[in-house]
């Protein structure tokens, strides 16, 4: 199993960045935005507030 992660200022931005990463790094992998886990990340001083993770 492999895992990819991406960070974003919003949930949508984190998922979008993860989607782009999957397209470029793993074009043959099956990717579904519905199976992405998004969690809060960092604190109020952090630039990025969310992390998106996808395991395949």
C-alpha atoms as a PDB file:
ATOM      1  CA  UNK A   1       0.000   0.000   0.000  1.00  0.00           C
ATOM      2  CA  UNK A   2       1.089   3.543  -0.722  1.00  0.00           C
ATOM      3  CA  UNK A   3       0.016   6.831   0.778  1.00  0.00           C
ATOM      4  CA  UNK A   4       0.026  10.339  -0.675  1.00  0.00           C
ATOM      5  CA  UNK A   5      -0.624  13.530   1.265  1.00  0.00           C
ATOM      6  CA  UNK A   6      -1.226  17.172   0.419  1.00  0.00           C
ATOM      7  CA  UNK A   7      -1.694  20.300   2.502  1.00  0.00           C
ATOM      8  CA  UNK A   8      -4.063  23.201   1.966  1.00  0.00           C
ATOM      9  CA  UNK A   9      -5.526  26.325   3.507  1.00  0.00           C
ATOM     10  CA  UNK A  10      -9.021  24.887   2.998  1.00  0.00           C
ATOM     11  CA  UNK A  11     -10.359  21.340   2.696  1.00  0.00           C
ATOM     12  CA  UNK A  12     -11.071  21.885  -0.986  1.00  0.00           C
ATOM     13  CA  UNK A  13      -7.558  23.176  -1.669  1.00  0.00           C
ATOM     14  CA  UNK A  14      -5.983  20.156   0.055  1.00  0.00           C
ATOM     15  CA  UNK A  15      -8.115  17.726  -1.981  1.00  0.00           C
ATOM     16  CA  UNK A  16      -7.350  19.607  -5.211  1.00  0.00           C
ATOM     17  CA  UNK A  17      -3.606  19.493  -4.582  1.00  0.00           C
ATOM     18  CA  UNK A  18      -3.819  15.783  -3.763  1.00  0.00           C
ATOM     19  CA  UNK A  19      -5.745  15.154  -6.973  1.00  0.00           C
ATOM     20  CA  UNK A  20      -3.029  16.892  -9.015  1.00  0.00           C
ATOM     21  CA  UNK A  21      -0.311  14.943  -7.212  1.00  0.00           C
ATOM     22  CA  UNK A  22      -2.057  11.652  -7.955  1.00  0.00           C
ATOM     23  CA  UNK A  23      -2.433  12.504 -11.644  1.00  0.00           C
ATOM     24  CA  UNK A  24       1.257  13.323 -12.064  1.00  0.00           C
ATOM     25  CA  UNK A  25       2.946  10.823  -9.747  1.00  0.00           C
ATOM     26  CA  UNK A  26       0.551   7.856 -10.091  1.00  0.00           C
ATOM     27  CA  UNK A  27      -1.361   8.145 -13.396  1.00  0.00           C
ATOM     28  CA  UNK A  28      -2.284   4.447 -13.401  1.00  0.00           C
ATOM     29  CA  UNK A  29      -3.682   4.394  -9.860  1.00  0.00           C
ATOM     30  CA  UNK A  30      -7.421   4.520  -9.300  1.00  0.00           C
ATOM     31  CA  UNK A  31      -8.213   7.763  -7.476  1.00  0.00           C
ATOM     32  CA  UNK A  32     -11.531   8.803  -6.000  1.00  0.00           C
ATOM     33  CA  UNK A  33     -12.044  12.072  -4.162  1.00  0.00           C
ATOM     34  CA  UNK A  34     -14.706  10.315  -2.088  1.00  0.00           C
ATOM     35  CA  UNK A  35     -12.075   8.109  -0.435  1.00  0.00           C
ATOM     36  CA  UNK A  36      -9.788  10.982   0.604  1.00  0.00           C
ATOM     37  CA  UNK A  37      -9.451  11.582   4.334  1.00  0.00           C
ATOM     38  CA  UNK A  38      -9.176  15.272   5.253  1.00  0.00           C
ATOM     39  CA  UNK A  39      -8.075  16.280   8.751  1.00  0.00           C
ATOM     40  CA  UNK A  40      -7.260  19.513  10.498  1.00  0.00           C
ATOM     41  CA  UNK A  41      -3.539  20.192  10.629  1.00  0.00           C
ATOM     42  CA  UNK A  42      -1.323  22.589  12.551  1.00  0.00           C
ATOM     43  CA  UNK A  43      -2.464  25.469  14.700  1.00  0.00           C
ATOM     44  CA  UNK A  44      -3.666  29.028  14.208  1.00  0.00           C
ATOM     45  CA  UNK A  45      -0.143  30.148  13.221  1.00  0.00           C
ATOM     46  CA  UNK A  46       0.236  27.501  10.505  1.00  0.00           C
ATOM     47  CA  UNK A  47      -0.007  28.452   6.856  1.00  0.00           C
ATOM     48  CA  UNK A  48      -1.815  25.206   6.036  1.00  0.00           C
ATOM     49  CA  UNK A  49      -4.854  24.212   8.081  1.00  0.00           C
ATOM     50  CA  UNK A  50      -5.822  20.901   6.457  1.00  0.00           C
ATOM     51  CA  UNK A  51      -4.123  17.700   5.318  1.00  0.00           C
ATOM     52  CA  UNK A  52      -5.614  15.365   2.714  1.00  0.00           C
ATOM     53  CA  UNK A  53      -4.485  11.721   2.701  1.00  0.00           C
ATOM     54  CA  UNK A  54      -5.184   8.946   0.228  1.00  0.00           C
ATOM     55  CA  UNK A  55      -4.065   5.330   0.650  1.00  0.00           C
ATOM     56  CA  UNK A  56      -4.017   3.047  -2.357  1.00  0.00           C
END
